[in-house]
PDB file of N, CA and C in Angstrom:
ATOM      1  N   UNK A   1      90.541  90.426  98.265  1.00  0.00           N
ATOM      2  CA  UNK A   1      91.480  90.098  99.471  1.00  0.00           C
ATOM      3  C   UNK A   1      92.030  91.244 100.155  1.00  0.00           C
ATOM      4  N   UNK A   2      91.770  92.438  99.429  1.00  0.00           N
ATOM      5  CA  UNK A   2      92.418  93.759 100.067  1.00  0.00           C
ATOM      6  C   UNK A   2      91.897  93.973 101.480  1.00  0.00           C
ATOM      7  N   UNK A   3      90.695  93.766 101.804  1.00  0.00           N
ATOM      8  CA  UNK A   3      90.017  93.977 103.157  1.00  0.00           C
ATOM      9  C   UNK A   3      90.623  93.036 104.116  1.00  0.00           C
ATOM     10  N   UNK A   4      90.730  91.746 103.680  1.00  0.00           N
ATOM     11  CA  UNK A   4      91.508  90.678 104.411  1.00  0.00           C
ATOM     12  C   UNK A   4      92.943  91.205 104.747  1.00  0.00           C
ATOM     13  N   UNK A   5      93.633  91.590 103.859  1.00  0.00           N
ATOM     14  CA  UNK A   5      95.045  91.897 104.020  1.00  0.00           C
ATOM     15  C   UNK A   5      95.087  93.155 105.169  1.00  0.00           C
ATOM     16  N   UNK A   6      94.227  94.315 104.884  1.00  0.00           N
ATOM     17  CA  UNK A   6      94.258  95.388 105.725  1.00  0.00           C
ATOM     18  C   UNK A   6      94.027  94.947 107.256  1.00  0.00           C
ATOM     19  N   UNK A   7      92.938  94.065 107.207  1.00  0.00           N
ATOM     20  CA  UNK A   7      92.595  93.643 108.719  1.00  0.00           C
ATOM     21  C   UNK A   7      93.664  92.746 109.309  1.00  0.00           C
ATOM     22  N   UNK A   8      94.227  91.976 108.532  1.00  0.00           N
ATOM     23  CA  UNK A   8      95.331  91.053 108.958  1.00  0.00           C
ATOM     24  C   UNK A   8      96.487  92.021 109.494  1.00  0.00           C
ATOM     25  N   UNK A   9      96.933  92.929 108.543  1.00  0.00           N
ATOM     26  CA  UNK A   9      98.079  93.793 109.069  1.00  0.00           C
ATOM     27  C   UNK A   9      97.813  94.527 110.455  1.00  0.00           C
ATOM     28  N   UNK A  10      96.452  95.100 110.477  1.00  0.00           N
ATOM     29  CA  UNK A  10      96.148  95.699 111.795  1.00  0.00           C
ATOM     30  C   UNK A  10      96.163  94.967 112.987  1.00  0.00           C
ATOM     31  N   UNK A  11      95.645  93.651 112.733  1.00  0.00           N
ATOM     32  CA  UNK A  11      95.785  92.635 113.805  1.00  0.00           C
ATOM     33  C   UNK A  11      97.133  92.134 114.215  1.00  0.00           C
ATOM     34  N   UNK A  12      98.123  91.955 113.133  1.00  0.00           N
ATOM     35  CA  UNK A  12      99.423  91.599 113.431  1.00  0.00           C
ATOM     36  C   UNK A  12     100.090  92.690 114.211  1.00  0.00           C
ATOM     37  N   UNK A  13      99.977  93.834 113.779  1.00  0.00           N
ATOM     38  CA  UNK A  13     100.628  95.011 114.528  1.00  0.00           C
ATOM     39  C   UNK A  13     100.137  95.051 116.093  1.00  0.00           C
ATOM     40  N   UNK A  14      98.856  95.001 116.220  1.00  0.00           N
ATOM     41  CA  UNK A  14      98.306  95.129 117.513  1.00  0.00           C
ATOM     42  C   UNK A  14      98.588  93.707 118.347  1.00  0.00           C
ATOM     43  N   UNK A  15      98.701  92.643 117.751  1.00  0.00           N
ATOM     44  CA  UNK A  15      98.991  91.435 118.476  1.00  0.00           C
ATOM     45  C   UNK A  15     100.578  91.625 118.902  1.00  0.00           C
ATOM     46  N   UNK A  16     101.322  92.053 117.881  1.00  0.00           N
ATOM     47  CA  UNK A  16     102.861  92.245 118.121  1.00  0.00           C
ATOM     48  C   UNK A  16     103.069  93.196 119.244  1.00  0.00           C
ATOM     49  N   UNK A  17     102.412  94.242 119.332  1.00  0.00           N
ATOM     50  CA  UNK A  17     102.600  95.244 120.313  1.00  0.00           C
ATOM     51  C   UNK A  17     102.334  94.712 121.590  1.00  0.00           C
ATOM     52  N   UNK A  18     101.442  93.876 121.613  1.00  0.00           N
ATOM     53  CA  UNK A  18     101.094  93.284 123.023  1.00  0.00           C
ATOM     54  C   UNK A  18     101.926  92.264 123.372  1.00  0.00           C
ATOM     55  N   UNK A  19     102.431  91.402 122.508  1.00  0.00           N
ATOM     56  CA  UNK A  19     103.392  90.396 122.740  1.00  0.00           C
ATOM     57  C   UNK A  19     104.829  91.010 123.074  1.00  0.00           C
ATOM     58  N   UNK A  20     105.234  92.074 122.315  1.00  0.00           N
ATOM     59  CA  UNK A  20     106.454  92.653 122.714  1.00  0.00           C
ATOM     60  C   UNK A  20     106.504  93.418 124.136  1.00  0.00           C
ATOM     61  N   UNK A  21     105.407  94.009 124.446  1.00  0.00           N
ATOM     62  CA  UNK A  21     105.309  94.567 125.891  1.00  0.00           C
ATOM     63  C   UNK A  21     105.543  93.484 126.972  1.00  0.00           C
ATOM     64  N   UNK A  22     104.978  92.233 126.583  1.00  0.00           N
ATOM     65  CA  UNK A  22     105.172  91.208 127.610  1.00  0.00           C
ATOM     66  C   UNK A  22     106.608  90.677 127.756  1.00  0.00           C
ATOM     67  N   UNK A  23     107.503  91.157 126.844  1.00  0.00           N
ATOM     68  CA  UNK A  23     108.887  90.629 126.759  1.00  0.00           C
ATOM     69  C   UNK A  23     109.846  91.842 126.760  1.00  0.00           C
ATOM     70  N   UNK A  24     109.438  92.967 127.292  1.00  0.00           N
ATOM     71  CA  UNK A  24     110.045  94.208 127.559  1.00  0.00           C
ATOM     72  C   UNK A  24     110.694  94.768 126.487  1.00  0.00           C
ATOM     73  N   UNK A  25     110.024  94.628 125.325  1.00  0.00           N
ATOM     74  CA  UNK A  25     110.500  95.298 124.007  1.00  0.00           C
ATOM     75  C   UNK A  25     109.233  96.198 123.585  1.00  0.00           C
ATOM     76  N   UNK A  26     109.406  97.282 122.702  1.00  0.00           N
ATOM     77  CA  UNK A  26     108.333  98.081 122.442  1.00  0.00           C
ATOM     78  C   UNK A  26     108.570  98.487 120.868  1.00  0.00           C
ATOM     79  N   UNK A  27     107.559  98.683 120.137  1.00  0.00           N
ATOM     80  CA  UNK A  27     107.550  99.131 118.826  1.00  0.00           C
ATOM     81  C   UNK A  27     107.261 100.612 118.745  1.00  0.00           C
ATOM     82  N   UNK A  28     108.097 101.484 118.487  1.00  0.00           N
ATOM     83  CA  UNK A  28     107.565 102.940 118.387  1.00  0.00           C
ATOM     84  C   UNK A  28     106.836 103.031 117.038  1.00  0.00           C
ATOM     85  N   UNK A  29     106.335 104.307 117.039  1.00  0.00           N
ATOM     86  CA  UNK A  29     105.460 104.662 115.778  1.00  0.00           C
ATOM     87  C   UNK A  29     106.050 104.560 114.532  1.00  0.00           C
ATOM     88  N   UNK A  30     107.408 105.013 114.502  1.00  0.00           N
ATOM     89  CA  UNK A  30     108.088 105.001 113.085  1.00  0.00           C
ATOM     90  C   UNK A  30     108.322 103.503 112.718  1.00  0.00           C
ATOM     91  N   UNK A  31     108.820 102.677 113.618  1.00  0.00           N
ATOM     92  CA  UNK A  31     108.991 101.295 113.204  1.00  0.00           C
ATOM     93  C   UNK A  31     107.624 100.602 112.913  1.00  0.00           C
ATOM     94  N   UNK A  32     106.515 101.074 113.567  1.00  0.00           N
ATOM     95  CA  UNK A  32     105.236 100.414 113.357  1.00  0.00           C
ATOM     96  C   UNK A  32     104.840 100.648 111.937  1.00  0.00           C
ATOM     97  N   UNK A  33     105.119 102.034 111.534  1.00  0.00           N
ATOM     98  CA  UNK A  33     104.896 102.308 110.190  1.00  0.00           C
ATOM     99  C   UNK A  33     105.575 101.709 109.076  1.00  0.00           C
ATOM    100  N   UNK A  34     106.921 101.447 109.559  1.00  0.00           N
ATOM    101  CA  UNK A  34     107.696 100.786 108.550  1.00  0.00           C
ATOM    102  C   UNK A  34     107.450  99.398 108.329  1.00  0.00           C
ATOM    103  N   UNK A  35     107.039  98.685 109.391  1.00  0.00           N
ATOM    104  CA  UNK A  35     106.614  97.325 109.457  1.00  0.00           C
ATOM    105  C   UNK A  35     105.285  97.115 108.736  1.00  0.00           C
ATOM    106  N   UNK A  36     104.341  98.110 109.062  1.00  0.00           N
ATOM    107  CA  UNK A  36     103.046  97.857 108.221  1.00  0.00           C
ATOM    108  C   UNK A  36     103.250  98.033 106.755  1.00  0.00           C
ATOM    109  N   UNK A  37     104.083  99.049 106.362  1.00  0.00           N
ATOM    110  CA  UNK A  37     104.374  99.057 104.859  1.00  0.00           C
ATOM    111  C   UNK A  37     104.925  98.105 104.276  1.00  0.00           C
ATOM    112  N   UNK A  38     105.792  97.404 105.021  1.00  0.00           N
ATOM    113  CA  UNK A  38     106.639  96.146 104.527  1.00  0.00           C
ATOM    114  C   UNK A  38     105.509  95.007 104.308  1.00  0.00           C
ATOM    115  N   UNK A  39     104.640  94.959 105.335  1.00  0.00           N
ATOM    116  CA  UNK A  39     103.610  93.929 105.326  1.00  0.00           C
ATOM    117  C   UNK A  39     102.585  94.152 104.208  1.00  0.00           C
ATOM    118  N   UNK A  40     102.324  95.354 104.085  1.00  0.00           N
ATOM    119  CA  UNK A  40     101.288  95.587 103.008  1.00  0.00           C
ATOM    120  C   UNK A  40     101.938  95.546 101.582  1.00  0.00           C
ATOM    121  N   UNK A  41     103.140  95.856 101.329  1.00  0.00           N
ATOM    122  CA  UNK A  41     103.847  95.682 100.038  1.00  0.00           C
ATOM    123  C   UNK A  41     103.964  94.392  99.657  1.00  0.00           C
ATOM    124  N   UNK A  42     104.321  93.481 100.660  1.00  0.00           N
ATOM    125  CA  UNK A  42     104.446  92.072 100.139  1.00  0.00           C
ATOM    126  C   UNK A  42     103.184  91.307  99.976  1.00  0.00           C
ATOM    127  N   UNK A  43     102.178  91.636 101.098  1.00  0.00           N
ATOM    128  CA  UNK A  43     100.880  90.890 100.911  1.00  0.00           C
ATOM    129  C   UNK A  43      99.848  91.315  99.901  1.00  0.00           C
ATOM    130  N   UNK A  44     100.071  92.625  99.325  1.00  0.00           N
ATOM    131  CA  UNK A  44      99.330  93.071  98.311  1.00  0.00           C
ATOM    132  C   UNK A  44      99.685  92.568  96.864  1.00  0.00           C
ATOM    133  N   UNK A  45     100.880  91.957  96.805  1.00  0.00           N
ATOM    134  CA  UNK A  45     101.357  91.409  95.611  1.00  0.00           C
ATOM    135  C   UNK A  45     100.331  90.228  95.219  1.00  0.00           C
ATOM    136  N   UNK A  46     100.404  89.947  93.903  1.00  0.00           N
ATOM    137  CA  UNK A  46      99.649  88.650  93.513  1.00  0.00           C
ATOM    138  C   UNK A  46     100.095  87.479  94.310  1.00  0.00           C
ATOM    139  N   UNK A  47      99.310  86.506  94.655  1.00  0.00           N
ATOM    140  CA  UNK A  47      99.603  85.310  95.450  1.00  0.00           C
ATOM    141  C   UNK A  47     100.950  84.719  94.973  1.00  0.00           C
ATOM    142  N   UNK A  48     100.999  84.551  93.782  1.00  0.00           N
ATOM    143  CA  UNK A  48     102.138  83.707  93.183  1.00  0.00           C
ATOM    144  C   UNK A  48     103.445  84.568  93.428  1.00  0.00           C
ATOM    145  N   UNK A  49     103.420  85.790  93.424  1.00  0.00           N
ATOM    146  CA  UNK A  49     104.560  86.565  93.759  1.00  0.00           C
ATOM    147  C   UNK A  49     105.086  86.846  95.230  1.00  0.00           C
ATOM    148  N   UNK A  50     104.190  86.353  95.999  1.00  0.00           N
ATOM    149  CA  UNK A  50     104.445  86.535  97.460  1.00  0.00           C
ATOM    150  C   UNK A  50     105.519  85.510  97.857  1.00  0.00           C
ATOM    151  N   UNK A  51     106.539  85.843  98.552  1.00  0.00           N
ATOM    152  CA  UNK A  51     107.588  84.956  98.888  1.00  0.00           C
ATOM    153  C   UNK A  51     107.793  84.615 100.224  1.00  0.00           C
ATOM    154  N   UNK A  52     107.093  85.418 101.226  1.00  0.00           N
ATOM    155  CA  UNK A  52     107.056  85.287 102.526  1.00  0.00           C
ATOM    156  C   UNK A  52     105.660  85.212 103.027  1.00  0.00           C
ATOM    157  N   UNK A  53     105.621  84.592 104.378  1.00  0.00           N
ATOM    158  CA  UNK A  53     104.369  84.477 105.100  1.00  0.00           C
ATOM    159  C   UNK A  53     104.327  85.911 106.005  1.00  0.00           C
ATOM    160  N   UNK A  54     103.237  86.286 106.501  1.00  0.00           N
ATOM    161  CA  UNK A  54     103.136  87.340 107.427  1.00  0.00           C
ATOM    162  C   UNK A  54     104.161  87.199 108.625  1.00  0.00           C
ATOM    163  N   UNK A  55     104.058  85.849 109.139  1.00  0.00           N
ATOM    164  CA  UNK A  55     104.860  85.685 110.370  1.00  0.00           C
ATOM    165  C   UNK A  55     106.313  85.877 109.961  1.00  0.00           C
ATOM    166  N   UNK A  56     106.729  85.391 108.841  1.00  0.00           N
ATOM    167  CA  UNK A  56     108.205  85.442 108.391  1.00  0.00           C
ATOM    168  C   UNK A  56     108.567  86.952 108.220  1.00  0.00           C
ATOM    169  N   UNK A  57     107.657  87.745 107.597  1.00  0.00           N
ATOM    170  CA  UNK A  57     107.952  89.129 107.373  1.00  0.00           C
ATOM    171  C   UNK A  57     108.280  89.710 108.791  1.00  0.00           C
ATOM    172  N   UNK A  58     107.392  89.620 109.890  1.00  0.00           N
ATOM    173  CA  UNK A  58     107.398  90.133 111.075  1.00  0.00           C
ATOM    174  C   UNK A  58     108.708  89.601 111.704  1.00  0.00           C
ATOM    175  N   UNK A  59     109.054  88.479 111.793  1.00  0.00           N
ATOM    176  CA  UNK A  59     110.228  87.777 112.422  1.00  0.00           C
ATOM    177  C   UNK A  59     111.507  88.428 111.803  1.00  0.00           C
ATOM    178  N   UNK A  60     111.483  88.530 110.579  1.00  0.00           N
ATOM    179  CA  UNK A  60     112.638  89.147 109.845  1.00  0.00           C
ATOM    180  C   UNK A  60     112.861  90.569 110.315  1.00  0.00           C
ATOM    181  N   UNK A  61     111.690  91.267 110.376  1.00  0.00           N
ATOM    182  CA  UNK A  61     111.777  92.675 110.822  1.00  0.00           C
ATOM    183  C   UNK A  61     112.265  92.751 112.110  1.00  0.00           C
ATOM    184  N   UNK A  62     111.767  92.071 113.090  1.00  0.00           N
ATOM    185  CA  UNK A  62     112.211  92.133 114.360  1.00  0.00           C
ATOM    186  C   UNK A  62     113.615  91.537 114.812  1.00  0.00           C
ATOM    187  N   UNK A  63     114.006  90.650 114.008  1.00  0.00           N
ATOM    188  CA  UNK A  63     115.430  90.246 114.154  1.00  0.00           C
ATOM    189  C   UNK A  63     116.380  91.344 113.791  1.00  0.00           C
ATOM    190  N   UNK A  64     115.999  92.074 112.525  1.00  0.00           N
ATOM    191  CA  UNK A  64     116.853  93.153 112.235  1.00  0.00           C
ATOM    192  C   UNK A  64     116.881  94.333 113.220  1.00  0.00           C
ATOM    193  N   UNK A  65     115.620  94.800 113.563  1.00  0.00           N
ATOM    194  CA  UNK A  65     115.365  95.979 114.466  1.00  0.00           C
ATOM    195  C   UNK A  65     115.949  95.796 115.882  1.00  0.00           C
ATOM    196  N   UNK A  66     115.797  94.631 116.524  1.00  0.00           N
ATOM    197  CA  UNK A  66     116.150  94.416 117.805  1.00  0.00           C
ATOM    198  C   UNK A  66     117.480  93.671 118.008  1.00  0.00           C
ATOM    199  N   UNK A  67     117.934  93.140 116.807  1.00  0.00           N
ATOM    200  CA  UNK A  67     119.258  92.434 117.015  1.00  0.00           C
ATOM    201  C   UNK A  67     119.127  91.427 117.831  1.00  0.00           C
ATOM    202  N   UNK A  68     117.960  90.583 117.795  1.00  0.00           N
ATOM    203  CA  UNK A  68     117.776  89.456 118.572  1.00  0.00           C
ATOM    204  C   UNK A  68     117.008  88.498 117.829  1.00  0.00           C
ATOM    205  N   UNK A  69     117.151  87.351 118.379  1.00  0.00           N
ATOM    206  CA  UNK A  69     116.367  86.163 117.599  1.00  0.00           C
ATOM    207  C   UNK A  69     114.814  86.096 118.130  1.00  0.00           C
ATOM    208  N   UNK A  70     113.994  86.277 117.050  1.00  0.00           N
ATOM    209  CA  UNK A  70     112.557  86.053 117.095  1.00  0.00           C
ATOM    210  C   UNK A  70     112.070  84.887 116.283  1.00  0.00           C
ATOM    211  N   UNK A  71     111.104  84.133 116.824  1.00  0.00           N
ATOM    212  CA  UNK A  71     110.572  83.177 116.114  1.00  0.00           C
ATOM    213  C   UNK A  71     109.101  82.927 116.492  1.00  0.00           C
ATOM    214  N   UNK A  72     108.322  84.016 116.205  1.00  0.00           N
ATOM    215  CA  UNK A  72     106.974  84.270 116.518  1.00  0.00           C
ATOM    216  C   UNK A  72     106.106  83.276 115.786  1.00  0.00           C
ATOM    217  N   UNK A  73     105.106  82.679 116.189  1.00  0.00           N
ATOM    218  CA  UNK A  73     104.193  81.960 115.352  1.00  0.00           C
ATOM    219  C   UNK A  73     102.912  82.630 115.358  1.00  0.00           C
ATOM    220  N   UNK A  74     102.112  82.112 114.334  1.00  0.00           N
ATOM    221  CA  UNK A  74     100.794  82.738 114.128  1.00  0.00           C
ATOM    222  C   UNK A  74      99.937  82.870 115.462  1.00  0.00           C
ATOM    223  N   UNK A  75     100.058  82.003 116.365  1.00  0.00           N
ATOM    224  CA  UNK A  75      99.313  81.975 117.632  1.00  0.00           C
ATOM    225  C   UNK A  75      99.772  83.271 118.517  1.00  0.00           C
ATOM    226  N   UNK A  76     101.125  83.515 118.401  1.00  0.00           N
ATOM    227  CA  UNK A  76     101.790  84.542 119.305  1.00  0.00           C
ATOM    228  C   UNK A  76     101.148  85.877 118.964  1.00  0.00           C
ATOM    229  N   UNK A  77     100.341  86.075 117.902  1.00  0.00           N
ATOM    230  CA  UNK A  77      99.772  87.412 117.615  1.00  0.00           C
ATOM    231  C   UNK A  77      98.346  87.550 118.173  1.00  0.00           C
ATOM    232  N   UNK A  78      97.825  86.661 118.788  1.00  0.00           N
ATOM    233  CA  UNK A  78      96.450  86.679 119.227  1.00  0.00           C
ATOM    234  C   UNK A  78      95.503  85.829 118.501  1.00  0.00           C
ATOM    235  N   UNK A  79      94.365  85.494 118.923  1.00  0.00           N
ATOM    236  CA  UNK A  79      93.312  84.488 118.381  1.00  0.00           C
ATOM    237  C   UNK A  79      92.887  85.303 117.093  1.00  0.00           C
ATOM    238  N   UNK A  80      92.589  86.408 117.111  1.00  0.00           N
ATOM    239  CA  UNK A  80      92.031  87.126 115.800  1.00  0.00           C
ATOM    240  C   UNK A  80      92.846  87.173 114.618  1.00  0.00           C
ATOM    241  N   UNK A  81      94.344  87.614 115.078  1.00  0.00           N
ATOM    242  CA  UNK A  81      95.329  87.607 114.016  1.00  0.00           C
ATOM    243  C   UNK A  81      95.652  86.187 113.422  1.00  0.00           C
ATOM    244  N   UNK A  82      95.544  85.049 114.419  1.00  0.00           N
ATOM    245  CA  UNK A  82      95.767  83.766 114.051  1.00  0.00           C
ATOM    246  C   UNK A  82      94.571  83.252 113.006  1.00  0.00           C
ATOM    247  N   UNK A  83      93.469  83.592 113.254  1.00  0.00           N
ATOM    248  CA  UNK A  83      92.408  83.267 112.287  1.00  0.00           C
ATOM    249  C   UNK A  83      92.516  84.055 110.890  1.00  0.00           C
ATOM    250  N   UNK A  84      93.105  85.172 111.095  1.00  0.00           N
ATOM    251  CA  UNK A  84      93.186  85.956 109.734  1.00  0.00           C
ATOM    252  C   UNK A  84      94.313  85.442 108.865  1.00  0.00           C
ATOM    253  N   UNK A  85      95.487  85.058 109.863  1.00  0.00           N
ATOM    254  CA  UNK A  85      96.557  84.409 108.982  1.00  0.00           C
ATOM    255  C   UNK A  85      96.104  83.079 108.276  1.00  0.00           C
ATOM    256  N   UNK A  86      95.260  82.417 108.992  1.00  0.00           N
ATOM    257  CA  UNK A  86      94.704  81.131 108.378  1.00  0.00           C
ATOM    258  C   UNK A  86      93.770  81.499 107.184  1.00  0.00           C
ATOM    259  N   UNK A  87      92.983  82.501 107.203  1.00  0.00           N
ATOM    260  CA  UNK A  87      92.222  82.945 106.085  1.00  0.00           C
ATOM    261  C   UNK A  87      93.071  83.298 104.941  1.00  0.00           C
ATOM    262  N   UNK A  88      94.177  84.080 105.193  1.00  0.00           N
ATOM    263  CA  UNK A  88      95.106  84.550 104.300  1.00  0.00           C
ATOM    264  C   UNK A  88      95.680  83.309 103.395  1.00  0.00           C
ATOM    265  N   UNK A  89      96.127  82.317 104.361  1.00  0.00           N
ATOM    266  CA  UNK A  89      96.691  81.224 103.671  1.00  0.00           C
ATOM    267  C   UNK A  89      95.671  80.377 102.903  1.00  0.00           C
ATOM    268  N   UNK A  90      94.542  80.285 103.310  1.00  0.00           N
ATOM    269  CA  UNK A  90      93.583  79.669 102.479  1.00  0.00           C
ATOM    270  C   UNK A  90      93.262  80.334 101.142  1.00  0.00           C
ATOM    271  N   UNK A  91      93.128  81.729 101.246  1.00  0.00           N
ATOM    272  CA  UNK A  91      93.021  82.636 100.054  1.00  0.00           C
ATOM    273  C   UNK A  91      94.149  82.362  99.122  1.00  0.00           C
ATOM    274  N   UNK A  92      95.429  82.489  99.467  1.00  0.00           N
ATOM    275  CA  UNK A  92      96.521  82.425  98.755  1.00  0.00           C
ATOM    276  C   UNK A  92      96.506  81.037  98.137  1.00  0.00           C
ATOM    277  N   UNK A  93      96.232  79.928  98.725  1.00  0.00           N
ATOM    278  CA  UNK A  93      96.130  78.649  98.060  1.00  0.00           C
ATOM    279  C   UNK A  93      95.144  78.584  97.094  1.00  0.00           C
ATOM    280  N   UNK A  94      93.887  79.118  97.366  1.00  0.00           N
ATOM    281  CA  UNK A  94      92.932  79.311  96.299  1.00  0.00           C
ATOM    282  C   UNK A  94      93.268  80.031  95.002  1.00  0.00           C
ATOM    283  N   UNK A  95      93.770  81.218  95.414  1.00  0.00           N
ATOM    284  CA  UNK A  95      94.244  81.918  94.159  1.00  0.00           C
ATOM    285  C   UNK A  95      95.299  81.288  93.368  1.00  0.00           C
ATOM    286  N   UNK A  96      96.289  80.575  93.954  1.00  0.00           N
ATOM    287  CA  UNK A  96      97.307  79.954  93.239  1.00  0.00           C
ATOM    288  C   UNK A  96      96.670  78.627  92.548  1.00  0.00           C
ATOM    289  N   UNK A  97      95.682  78.092  93.102  1.00  0.00           N
ATOM    290  CA  UNK A  97      95.193  76.947  92.171  1.00  0.00           C
ATOM    291  C   UNK A  97      94.329  77.483  91.051  1.00  0.00           C
ATOM    292  N   UNK A  98      93.924  78.725  91.140  1.00  0.00           N
ATOM    293  CA  UNK A  98      93.108  79.210  90.037  1.00  0.00           C
ATOM    294  C   UNK A  98      94.037  79.626  88.794  1.00  0.00           C
ATOM    295  N   UNK A  99      95.259  79.960  89.125  1.00  0.00           N
ATOM    296  CA  UNK A  99      96.179  80.460  88.113  1.00  0.00           C
ATOM    297  C   UNK A  99      96.682  79.442  87.309  1.00  0.00           C
TER     298      UNK A  99
END
């Protein structure tokens, strides 16, 4: 699942940057690194220990960083990220059913 997570995080960041630009926000390099680390730390945990979805992680980060209300959905990150979020969810479900 490691490759899936790495690809997911890259696509989330890419899609988020595009989405933020269209709403007159921007993610600087430092905040991009912070968000990437937060995502990787949470999503690399065993599935049973993960408490938030990728979308929840990003929305929480944005709400704190920009002091504004964000409620992005998986589709807001672009088609590729949306598909990777679904794959992550399927894999998480499979992992939890095997435990």
